[in-house]
Amino acid sequence: MKPAEKTGYLFLSSEIYCEEAVRLASAVFEGRGVRAVKAAGGVRVEAAGAGAALEFCNEALNQQCRLDLGRKNFKIASLIATKALLSAAGEKAAKRG
């Protein structure tokens, strides 16, 4: 019989990780034995091993970066998409707009 692997605990501060980033990371890790529990000032990550908890934190960081970049670049991305749609619509649509 193998000895049970130690449980890993980590704390993610709400000053660094927003709730949405942690929720998205939780969705990626669904069914892998990793739990994110709300705690005062952030989220406590519980996993079957320290490695799994670290992987979860890495995914939470990836999600946070994606969200931050999306917010930062939203305006320019909207302008590019609008320009592309107007170009695809042709000359008549561009004159009407």
Protein backbone atom coordinates (compact mmCIF):
# COMPACT_ATOMS: atom_id res chain seq x y z
CA MET A 1 0.00 0.00 0.00
CA LYS A 2 1.36 3.41 -0.99
CA PRO A 3 1.40 6.16 1.61
CA ALA A 4 -1.01 8.98 0.83
CA GLU A 5 0.54 12.04 -0.76
CA LYS A 6 0.60 15.10 1.46
CA THR A 7 -1.99 17.75 0.85
CA GLY A 8 -0.67 21.03 -0.55
CA TYR A 9 -2.07 24.39 0.52
CA LEU A 10 -1.40 27.75 -1.06
CA PHE A 11 -2.97 31.17 -0.60
CA LEU A 12 -3.78 33.49 -3.51
CA SER A 13 -4.21 37.13 -2.51
CA SER A 14 -7.23 38.97 -3.92
CA GLU A 15 -4.90 41.97 -4.45
CA ILE A 16 -3.15 40.02 -7.23
CA TYR A 17 -5.69 37.47 -8.50
CA CYS A 18 -9.24 38.56 -9.30
CA GLU A 19 -12.14 36.23 -8.58
CA GLU A 20 -12.74 35.62 -12.30
CA ALA A 21 -9.15 34.42 -12.87
CA VAL A 22 -9.43 31.93 -9.99
CA ARG A 23 -12.84 30.75 -11.26
CA LEU A 24 -11.43 30.17 -14.76
CA ALA A 25 -8.45 28.26 -13.34
CA SER A 26 -10.86 26.15 -11.27
CA ALA A 27 -12.77 25.26 -14.44
CA VAL A 28 -9.52 24.10 -16.10
CA PHE A 29 -8.64 21.96 -13.06
CA GLU A 30 -12.12 20.51 -12.57
CA GLY A 31 -11.92 16.84 -11.65
CA ARG A 32 -8.21 16.93 -10.76
CA GLY A 33 -8.60 17.05 -6.99
CA VAL A 34 -7.84 20.76 -6.64
CA ARG A 35 -10.16 22.94 -4.59
CA ALA A 36 -10.26 26.73 -4.38
CA VAL A 37 -11.87 27.92 -1.15
CA LYS A 38 -12.66 31.57 -0.45
CA ALA A 39 -10.73 32.91 2.52
CA ALA A 40 -10.27 36.31 4.10
CA GLY A 41 -8.29 38.42 1.64
CA GLY A 42 -8.15 35.86 -1.16
CA VAL A 43 -8.47 32.18 -1.98
CA ARG A 44 -6.94 29.11 -0.36
CA VAL A 45 -5.94 26.42 -2.87
CA GLU A 46 -6.08 22.84 -1.59
CA ALA A 47 -4.68 19.97 -3.65
CA ALA A 48 -3.62 16.35 -3.29
CA GLY A 49 0.01 17.43 -3.60
CA ALA A 50 2.11 20.57 -3.64
CA GLY A 51 2.81 20.06 -7.35
CA ALA A 52 -0.89 20.16 -8.23
CA ALA A 53 -1.39 23.30 -6.13
CA LEU A 54 1.53 24.99 -7.92
CA GLU A 55 0.12 24.02 -11.32
CA PHE A 56 -3.21 25.54 -10.30
CA CYS A 57 -1.47 28.77 -9.27
CA ASN A 58 0.33 28.86 -12.60
CA GLU A 59 -3.00 28.51 -14.42
CA ALA A 60 -4.54 31.24 -12.24
CA LEU A 61 -1.64 33.53 -13.16
CA ASN A 62 -2.13 32.73 -16.86
CA GLN A 63 -5.82 33.56 -16.59
CA GLN A 64 -5.08 36.80 -14.71
CA CYS A 65 -2.61 37.87 -17.42
CA ARG A 66 -5.16 37.13 -20.15
CA LEU A 67 -7.81 39.17 -18.35
CA ASP A 68 -5.43 42.09 -17.73
CA LEU A 69 -4.28 42.15 -21.36
CA GLY A 70 -7.85 41.90 -22.61
CA ARG A 71 -8.89 44.89 -20.51
CA LYS A 72 -5.83 46.89 -21.53
CA ASN A 73 -6.22 46.21 -25.27
CA PHE A 74 -10.02 46.23 -25.51
CA LYS A 75 -10.32 49.62 -27.20
CA ILE A 76 -7.73 48.98 -29.91
CA ALA A 77 -9.09 45.48 -30.55
CA SER A 78 -12.58 46.94 -31.02
CA LEU A 79 -11.26 49.54 -33.47
CA ILE A 80 -9.41 46.89 -35.48
CA ALA A 81 -12.47 44.63 -35.60
CA THR A 82 -14.72 47.53 -36.68
CA LYS A 83 -12.28 48.54 -39.43
CA ALA A 84 -12.06 44.93 -40.65
CA LEU A 85 -15.84 44.55 -40.75
CA LEU A 86 -16.28 47.83 -42.62
CA SER A 87 -13.61 46.82 -45.12
CA ALA A 88 -15.29 43.45 -45.65
CA ALA A 89 -18.70 45.11 -46.14
CA GLY A 90 -17.43 47.06 -49.14
CA GLU A 91 -17.38 50.65 -50.29
CA LYS A 92 -21.14 51.34 -49.99
CA ALA A 93 -21.27 50.34 -46.31
CA ALA A 94 -18.22 52.49 -45.53
CA LYS A 95 -19.90 55.57 -47.09
CA ARG A 96 -23.09 55.02 -45.07
CA GLY A 97 -21.19 54.74 -41.74
